[in-house]
Amino acid sequence: MAKDVSKQSALQLNIKSAVTWSVFFRRSTRARSSLTNDKAVQRLAGVLIESPKSFSLTRWVGQSIVIRSCLSNLEASRRVLAANWHNHTGFDVPNSVFLAVDQAAPASSAAVAAPVLRMLFRMSASLEADASPLSAVVGLLSGFVVALRTAFPELPESTRSYLVDRVHARFSSFGDQHVVLAFYLDPLFAPCRHADDEALWGTWTLAGHRDAAIERLAGEDVAFRNAIIGDLGGYITRVDFAAGVDGSPLHDATWWRLYGDSWPTLQVLATRLLSLACSSAGSERSFKTLGVVLSRTRNRTHDARVDRQWSVAFNSRQLNRVNAVAMYQRSRTEKEVVGFVRVAVAAAVADAGAGGAPAGGAPAAEGVDDGDVAPTILKDGGAPRLT
């Protein structure tokens, strides 16, 4: 997604300018020293300025860090270049650096791109967290789609439409039907269920992916399929927006163990689905342990011994860690994304002048029996649909 953002002409200028600035002030010793001296003077006056930072495309959304660092150092960089211009023994400055620092267009473009990239960065960090539930993938993406439409007014309309389409296209390249089903089973993301229900996420809508996952899980077992659909209908009808989760330290799997007794079939399924990690960050941490066991100065150990020592070192660390699921708390980014959706729903209701339930919401209905939801699946264009 960050690459898609950087391809937009409205945002491309600031990213190139920020990278140009970062590379110059990090690699030029005299320029970096002058910038450090200027920041020291500003620090005495109570103004704190970040250090120049670079990024790797393989680590989250690092463009936002560079842009934020560039904006923080922009005035100091201008003072450094102005002083160097009047110094006969000054250092050489490429024209691209002058353009990146001195002109207003890159700075104004950076102010447009920074919020979007910062949100992508925080979404990536949330997904990489320990015990982050599988539902967070679609939950964050659907909320990001709503935010693109309502929360970034400085973005051109063409850029918003392009990024929304890219979210759907990116999901179709890696998404799985069970990930969408997990999203529907997460009470926190209840406001997001119908926020983007008309759009095609790949071949089907989100509801189509959800029902296809049910079909895949049930197979030829009609009774099991009807039990899942009945429980899911009752759960969606009864659960209020983020009931029991918003502001609570409960992990989704823990929530279902405590409050899912009303839907016994779905409780087992939800507990297993929501216990799955949404990224490979946990397993990738084992490579750090391998770097200790097999290093550049300790590289002649037999393979079998390396494997045993690696297993002992990694497993001993895992045993000393606290229970990640029990200690898990929903991230501020997830709650912020849900907040975007709620604001959008409230705005839609206000515009429509309706006094009923919010459009796209799933209002809690007291006194509605689970049996009021018909446990059937209809076929619509090849995609099963829950009714």
Protein backbone atom coordinates (compact mmCIF):
# COMPACT_ATOMS: atom_id res chain seq x y z
CA MET A 1 0.00 0.00 0.00
CA ALA A 2 2.86 2.40 0.74
CA LYS A 3 4.21 1.73 -2.74
CA ASP A 4 0.79 2.50 -4.18
CA VAL A 5 0.72 5.78 -2.26
CA SER A 6 4.18 6.73 -3.52
CA LYS A 7 3.08 6.18 -7.14
CA GLN A 8 0.50 8.95 -6.96
CA SER A 9 1.67 12.19 -8.55
CA ALA A 10 0.07 14.22 -5.75
CA LEU A 11 2.22 12.42 -3.16
CA GLN A 12 5.25 11.33 -5.15
CA LEU A 13 7.03 14.69 -5.00
CA ASN A 14 7.21 14.85 -1.22
CA ILE A 15 8.47 11.28 -0.82
CA LYS A 16 11.29 11.84 -3.31
CA SER A 17 12.15 15.18 -1.69
CA ALA A 18 12.18 13.67 1.80
CA VAL A 19 14.44 10.82 0.70
CA THR A 20 16.76 13.26 -1.10
CA TRP A 21 17.00 15.40 2.03
CA SER A 22 17.53 12.39 4.32
CA VAL A 23 20.29 10.84 2.21
CA PHE A 24 22.20 14.12 1.91
CA PHE A 25 22.09 15.14 5.56
CA ARG A 26 22.92 11.64 6.76
CA ARG A 27 25.83 11.03 4.39
CA SER A 28 27.41 14.49 4.23
CA THR A 29 29.52 14.82 7.37
CA ARG A 30 29.74 18.62 7.28
CA ALA A 31 26.04 19.06 6.51
CA ARG A 32 25.06 16.70 9.33
CA SER A 33 27.42 18.47 11.73
CA SER A 34 25.98 21.89 10.84
CA LEU A 35 22.43 20.56 11.27
CA THR A 36 23.35 19.08 14.66
CA ASN A 37 24.80 22.41 15.82
CA ASP A 38 21.66 24.26 14.74
CA LYS A 39 19.46 21.75 16.57
CA ALA A 40 21.57 22.20 19.71
CA VAL A 41 20.92 25.95 19.60
CA GLN A 42 17.21 25.34 19.10
CA ARG A 43 17.16 22.88 21.98
CA LEU A 44 18.46 25.60 24.31
CA ALA A 45 15.48 27.68 23.21
CA GLY A 46 13.10 24.81 24.06
CA VAL A 47 12.53 23.63 20.48
CA LEU A 48 13.02 19.87 20.03
CA ILE A 49 13.88 18.64 16.52
CA GLU A 50 14.12 15.02 15.41
CA SER A 51 17.31 13.53 14.02
CA PRO A 52 17.39 12.76 10.27
CA LYS A 53 16.10 9.26 9.61
CA SER A 54 16.14 6.90 6.67
CA PHE A 55 14.00 3.82 6.09
CA SER A 56 13.92 0.40 4.51
CA LEU A 57 11.03 -0.56 2.23
CA THR A 58 11.00 -4.00 3.82
CA ARG A 59 10.22 -2.66 7.31
CA TRP A 60 6.65 -1.48 7.74
CA VAL A 61 5.86 1.91 6.17
CA GLY A 62 9.09 3.77 6.75
CA GLN A 63 8.26 6.62 4.38
CA SER A 64 6.17 8.23 7.11
CA ILE A 65 9.18 8.33 9.44
CA VAL A 66 11.35 10.05 6.82
CA ILE A 67 8.64 12.58 5.93
CA ARG A 68 8.01 13.41 9.58
CA SER A 69 11.73 13.80 10.17
CA CYS A 70 12.05 16.00 7.08
CA LEU A 71 9.20 18.28 8.14
CA SER A 72 10.65 18.57 11.64
CA ASN A 73 14.08 19.57 10.29
CA LEU A 74 12.90 21.74 7.41
CA GLU A 75 13.48 25.16 9.00
CA ALA A 76 16.80 24.05 10.49
CA SER A 77 17.90 22.70 7.09
CA ARG A 78 17.04 26.02 5.44
CA ARG A 79 19.13 27.89 7.99
CA VAL A 80 22.04 25.51 7.44
CA LEU A 81 21.93 25.89 3.66
CA ALA A 82 21.57 29.67 3.92
CA ALA A 83 24.62 29.90 6.18
CA ASN A 84 26.57 27.58 3.90
CA TRP A 85 25.68 29.75 0.88
CA HIS A 86 27.47 32.74 2.50
CA ASN A 87 30.45 30.65 3.61
CA HIS A 88 33.32 30.70 1.09
CA THR A 89 34.61 27.35 2.38
CA GLY A 90 31.19 25.74 2.56
CA PHE A 91 30.28 22.24 1.40
CA ASP A 92 28.77 21.41 -1.96
CA VAL A 93 25.00 21.04 -2.08
CA PRO A 94 23.25 19.34 -5.06
CA ASN A 95 20.46 21.23 -6.75
CA SER A 96 18.00 18.45 -5.85
CA VAL A 97 18.65 19.11 -2.15
CA PHE A 98 18.10 22.86 -2.65
CA LEU A 99 14.78 22.14 -4.37
CA ALA A 100 13.71 19.68 -1.67
CA VAL A 101 14.45 22.12 1.18
CA ASP A 102 13.88 25.58 -0.25
CA GLN A 103 10.71 25.22 -2.30
CA ALA A 104 7.24 25.22 -0.78
CA ALA A 105 5.73 22.55 -3.05
CA PRO A 106 7.53 19.52 -1.51
CA ALA A 107 6.68 20.70 2.00
CA SER A 108 3.00 21.19 1.20
CA SER A 109 2.90 17.82 -0.57
CA ALA A 110 4.54 16.19 2.44
CA ALA A 111 1.84 17.57 4.71
CA VAL A 112 -0.72 15.82 2.46
CA ALA A 113 1.00 12.43 2.35
CA ALA A 114 2.22 12.23 5.94
CA PRO A 115 -1.17 11.47 7.62
CA VAL A 116 -1.97 8.64 5.19
CA LEU A 117 1.47 7.06 5.48
CA ARG A 118 1.44 7.49 9.25
CA MET A 119 -1.86 5.63 9.45
CA LEU A 120 -0.47 2.82 7.29
CA PHE A 121 2.58 2.66 9.54
CA ARG A 122 0.45 2.37 12.66
CA MET A 123 -1.76 -0.26 11.03
CA SER A 124 1.32 -2.34 10.17
CA ALA A 125 2.65 -1.99 13.72
CA SER A 126 -0.73 -3.09 15.11
CA LEU A 127 -0.77 -6.20 12.90
CA GLU A 128 2.79 -7.08 13.95
CA ALA A 129 1.91 -7.00 17.66
CA ASP A 130 2.02 -10.14 19.76
CA ALA A 131 -1.28 -12.09 19.66
CA SER A 132 -2.91 -9.64 17.26
CA PRO A 133 -6.11 -11.47 16.18
CA LEU A 134 -6.74 -12.65 12.65
CA SER A 135 -9.74 -10.33 12.39
CA ALA A 136 -7.54 -7.23 12.55
CA VAL A 137 -6.47 -7.61 8.90
CA VAL A 138 -9.88 -6.96 7.33
CA GLY A 139 -10.99 -4.74 10.22
CA LEU A 140 -8.14 -2.29 9.73
CA LEU A 141 -8.38 -2.38 5.94
CA SER A 142 -12.13 -1.73 5.92
CA GLY A 143 -11.69 1.12 8.38
CA PHE A 144 -8.87 2.52 6.27
CA VAL A 145 -11.19 2.56 3.25
CA VAL A 146 -13.72 4.60 5.23
CA ALA A 147 -10.97 6.92 6.44
CA LEU A 148 -9.78 7.50 2.88
CA ARG A 149 -13.28 8.59 1.92
CA THR A 150 -14.00 10.81 4.92
CA ALA A 151 -10.94 11.61 7.08
CA PHE A 152 -8.35 12.99 4.64
CA PRO A 153 -9.99 16.01 2.95
CA GLU A 154 -6.62 17.30 1.73
CA LEU A 155 -6.24 14.30 -0.60
CA PRO A 156 -7.49 14.77 -4.17
CA GLU A 157 -10.60 12.75 -5.02
CA SER A 158 -8.74 10.82 -7.72
CA THR A 159 -6.06 9.79 -5.21
CA ARG A 160 -8.67 8.60 -2.74
CA SER A 161 -10.48 6.51 -5.35
CA TYR A 162 -7.20 5.04 -6.54
CA LEU A 163 -6.11 4.04 -3.02
CA VAL A 164 -9.52 2.51 -2.23
CA ASP A 165 -9.28 0.40 -5.37
CA ARG A 166 -5.75 -0.63 -4.45
CA VAL A 167 -6.89 -1.79 -1.00
CA HIS A 168 -9.43 -4.09 -2.64
CA ALA A 169 -6.88 -5.29 -5.21
CA ARG A 170 -4.19 -5.92 -2.59
CA PHE A 171 -6.63 -7.92 -0.51
CA SER A 172 -7.53 -10.13 -3.45
CA SER A 173 -3.83 -10.98 -3.90
CA PHE A 174 -3.34 -12.34 -0.37
CA GLY A 175 -6.75 -12.47 1.33
CA ASP A 176 -8.42 -15.63 2.56
CA GLN A 177 -12.09 -16.32 3.14
CA HIS A 178 -11.46 -17.40 6.74
CA VAL A 179 -9.83 -14.01 7.46
CA VAL A 180 -13.11 -12.33 6.46
CA LEU A 181 -15.10 -14.73 8.63
CA ALA A 182 -12.82 -13.89 11.57
CA PHE A 183 -13.53 -10.21 10.90
CA TYR A 184 -17.27 -10.82 11.25
CA LEU A 185 -16.66 -12.63 14.54
CA ASP A 186 -14.80 -9.70 16.13
CA PRO A 187 -17.16 -7.54 18.25
CA LEU A 188 -14.82 -4.53 18.09
CA PHE A 189 -15.22 -4.22 14.33
CA ALA A 190 -19.03 -4.50 14.39
CA PRO A 191 -19.46 -0.94 13.01
CA CYS A 192 -17.20 -1.85 10.07
CA ARG A 193 -19.24 -4.81 8.86
CA HIS A 194 -21.34 -2.83 6.41
CA ALA A 195 -19.06 0.17 5.92
CA ASP A 196 -17.87 -1.15 2.56
CA ASP A 197 -20.35 -3.95 1.89
CA GLU A 198 -21.12 -3.00 -1.72
CA ALA A 199 -17.50 -3.06 -2.96
CA LEU A 200 -15.87 -6.13 -4.46
CA TRP A 201 -12.91 -7.35 -2.42
CA GLY A 202 -11.52 -9.48 -5.18
CA THR A 203 -14.21 -11.69 -6.70
CA TRP A 204 -16.86 -11.20 -4.01
CA THR A 205 -17.99 -8.70 -1.44
CA LEU A 206 -17.00 -9.19 2.20
CA ALA A 207 -20.34 -10.88 2.87
CA GLY A 208 -19.70 -13.21 -0.08
CA HIS A 209 -16.26 -14.16 1.28
CA ARG A 210 -17.78 -14.77 4.71
CA ASP A 211 -20.48 -17.09 3.36
CA ALA A 212 -17.99 -18.88 1.12
CA ALA A 213 -15.88 -19.57 4.22
CA ILE A 214 -18.92 -21.09 5.94
CA GLU A 215 -19.59 -23.27 2.90
CA ARG A 216 -15.96 -24.38 2.87
CA LEU A 217 -15.96 -25.23 6.57
CA ALA A 218 -19.26 -27.09 6.51
CA GLY A 219 -18.76 -28.96 3.26
CA GLU A 220 -21.58 -31.43 2.78
CA ASP A 221 -22.69 -31.29 6.42
CA VAL A 222 -25.95 -29.35 6.10
CA ALA A 223 -26.75 -29.53 9.81
CA PHE A 224 -23.38 -28.04 10.75
CA ARG A 225 -23.74 -25.32 8.14
CA ASN A 226 -27.21 -24.37 9.40
CA ALA A 227 -25.93 -24.35 12.98
CA ILE A 228 -23.14 -21.92 12.05
CA ILE A 229 -25.52 -19.67 10.13
CA GLY A 230 -28.06 -19.68 12.94
CA ASP A 231 -25.45 -18.80 15.56
CA LEU A 232 -23.91 -16.14 13.32
CA GLY A 233 -27.29 -14.52 12.70
CA GLY A 234 -28.05 -14.44 16.41
CA TYR A 235 -24.60 -13.09 17.23
CA ILE A 236 -24.79 -10.26 14.66
CA THR A 237 -28.28 -9.34 15.85
CA ARG A 238 -27.50 -9.33 19.56
CA VAL A 239 -23.99 -7.89 19.80
CA ASP A 240 -23.90 -4.11 20.04
CA PHE A 241 -21.12 -1.91 18.62
CA ALA A 242 -17.95 -3.17 20.32
CA ALA A 243 -19.93 -4.50 23.29
CA GLY A 244 -17.63 -5.95 25.95
CA VAL A 245 -14.46 -5.15 24.03
CA ASP A 246 -14.10 -1.39 23.58
CA GLY A 247 -11.74 -0.21 26.30
CA SER A 248 -11.37 -3.75 27.65
CA PRO A 249 -8.11 -5.74 27.72
CA LEU A 250 -9.91 -8.85 26.46
CA HIS A 251 -8.55 -10.65 23.43
CA ASP A 252 -11.23 -11.76 20.97
CA ALA A 253 -10.64 -15.43 21.74
CA THR A 254 -11.03 -14.68 25.47
CA TRP A 255 -14.20 -12.70 24.78
CA TRP A 256 -15.75 -15.65 22.98
CA ARG A 257 -14.81 -18.05 25.78
CA LEU A 258 -16.50 -15.77 28.32
CA TYR A 259 -19.53 -14.48 26.40
CA GLY A 260 -20.05 -16.93 23.53
CA ASP A 261 -22.12 -19.52 25.37
CA SER A 262 -25.28 -18.34 23.60
CA TRP A 263 -23.80 -19.52 20.28
CA PRO A 264 -22.09 -22.85 21.11
CA THR A 265 -21.27 -23.95 17.57
CA LEU A 266 -19.87 -20.58 16.60
CA GLN A 267 -18.04 -20.30 19.92
CA VAL A 268 -15.74 -23.22 19.10
CA LEU A 269 -15.11 -21.93 15.59
CA ALA A 270 -14.51 -18.33 16.69
CA THR A 271 -12.13 -19.32 19.48
CA ARG A 272 -9.94 -21.24 17.07
CA LEU A 273 -10.03 -18.67 14.26
CA LEU A 274 -9.35 -15.67 16.48
CA SER A 275 -6.47 -17.44 18.23
CA LEU A 276 -4.51 -17.50 14.96
CA ALA A 277 -1.88 -14.82 14.46
CA CYS A 278 -2.42 -12.41 11.57
CA SER A 279 1.29 -12.12 10.73
CA SER A 280 4.50 -14.15 10.82
CA ALA A 281 6.24 -11.71 13.17
CA GLY A 282 6.25 -14.22 16.03
CA SER A 283 7.97 -16.96 14.06
CA GLU A 284 10.44 -14.50 12.54
CA ARG A 285 11.70 -13.67 16.02
CA SER A 286 13.23 -17.13 16.14
CA PHE A 287 15.81 -16.03 13.56
CA LYS A 288 17.23 -13.56 16.07
CA THR A 289 17.82 -16.45 18.45
CA LEU A 290 19.53 -18.39 15.66
CA GLY A 291 21.87 -15.43 15.17
CA VAL A 292 23.07 -15.91 18.75
CA VAL A 293 23.55 -19.68 18.43
CA LEU A 294 25.22 -19.52 15.02
CA SER A 295 27.17 -16.29 14.59
CA ARG A 296 30.05 -15.08 12.45
CA THR A 297 32.56 -16.03 15.16
CA ARG A 298 30.79 -19.28 16.09
CA ASN A 299 30.11 -20.95 12.77
CA ARG A 300 31.64 -24.43 12.95
CA THR A 301 29.05 -26.08 15.18
CA HIS A 302 27.48 -29.24 13.78
CA ASP A 303 24.02 -28.78 12.24
CA ALA A 304 22.30 -31.17 14.63
CA ARG A 305 23.77 -29.39 17.66
CA VAL A 306 22.81 -25.99 16.25
CA ASP A 307 19.24 -27.21 15.87
CA ARG A 308 19.07 -28.47 19.47
CA GLN A 309 20.69 -25.36 20.94
CA TRP A 310 18.40 -23.15 18.85
CA SER A 311 15.31 -25.00 20.09
CA VAL A 312 16.41 -24.82 23.74
CA ALA A 313 17.27 -21.11 23.55
CA PHE A 314 14.07 -20.10 21.77
CA ASN A 315 11.70 -22.28 23.80
CA SER A 316 13.23 -21.18 27.11
CA ARG A 317 12.58 -17.56 26.16
CA GLN A 318 8.98 -18.37 25.22
CA LEU A 319 8.41 -20.12 28.56
CA ASN A 320 9.64 -17.07 30.43
CA ARG A 321 7.27 -14.75 28.55
CA VAL A 322 3.86 -13.79 29.88
CA ASN A 323 0.71 -15.09 28.24
CA ALA A 324 0.40 -12.85 25.18
CA VAL A 325 -3.32 -13.55 24.71
CA ALA A 326 -4.16 -12.86 28.36
CA MET A 327 -2.16 -9.60 28.36
CA TYR A 328 -3.33 -8.42 24.93
CA GLN A 329 -4.99 -5.01 24.59
CA ARG A 330 -6.62 -3.57 21.51
CA SER A 331 -4.39 -0.99 19.92
CA ARG A 332 -5.18 2.70 19.69
CA THR A 333 -5.08 2.38 15.90
CA GLU A 334 -7.88 -0.21 15.89
CA LYS A 335 -10.08 1.97 18.09
CA GLU A 336 -9.28 5.00 15.95
CA VAL A 337 -10.29 3.14 12.79
CA VAL A 338 -13.59 2.11 14.40
CA GLY A 339 -14.06 5.75 15.40
CA PHE A 340 -13.71 6.81 11.76
CA VAL A 341 -16.46 4.38 10.81
CA ARG A 342 -18.78 5.56 13.57
CA VAL A 343 -18.33 9.19 12.55
CA ALA A 344 -19.03 8.28 8.93
CA VAL A 345 -22.19 6.38 9.91
CA ALA A 346 -23.38 9.30 12.06
CA ALA A 347 -22.72 11.73 9.20
CA ALA A 348 -24.66 9.51 6.79
CA VAL A 349 -27.61 9.41 9.19
CA ALA A 350 -27.51 13.18 9.62
CA ASP A 351 -27.41 13.76 5.86
CA ALA A 352 -30.29 11.39 5.26
CA GLY A 353 -32.31 12.97 8.04
CA ALA A 354 -33.41 9.52 9.16
CA GLY A 355 -34.42 8.92 12.73
CA GLY A 356 -34.01 5.15 12.54
CA ALA A 357 -31.04 2.86 12.73
CA PRO A 358 -27.73 4.05 11.24
CA ALA A 359 -27.20 3.15 7.63
CA GLY A 360 -24.71 0.37 7.34
CA GLY A 361 -24.84 -0.36 11.05
CA ALA A 362 -25.93 -3.46 12.91
CA PRO A 363 -28.23 -2.14 15.70
CA ALA A 364 -28.80 -4.20 18.78
CA ALA A 365 -32.35 -5.52 18.90
CA GLU A 366 -33.58 -6.51 22.33
CA GLY A 367 -36.10 -9.26 22.50
CA VAL A 368 -35.28 -10.68 19.10
CA ASP A 369 -35.03 -14.42 19.23
CA ASP A 370 -32.17 -16.20 17.50
CA GLY A 371 -34.71 -18.10 15.48
CA ASP A 372 -35.83 -14.89 13.76
CA VAL A 373 -32.77 -15.19 11.51
CA ALA A 374 -33.44 -17.77 8.82
CA PRO A 375 -30.56 -20.26 8.65
CA THR A 376 -30.41 -20.47 4.88
CA ILE A 377 -27.87 -19.66 2.19
CA LEU A 378 -28.85 -18.23 -1.16
CA LYS A 379 -26.70 -18.37 -4.27
CA ASP A 380 -26.03 -14.98 -5.86
CA GLY A 381 -23.76 -14.91 -8.88
CA GLY A 382 -21.78 -17.93 -7.70
CA ALA A 383 -21.20 -16.55 -4.19
CA PRO A 384 -23.24 -17.95 -1.29
CA ARG A 385 -25.12 -15.28 0.64
CA LEU A 386 -26.35 -15.40 4.26
CA THR A 387 -29.95 -14.30 4.87
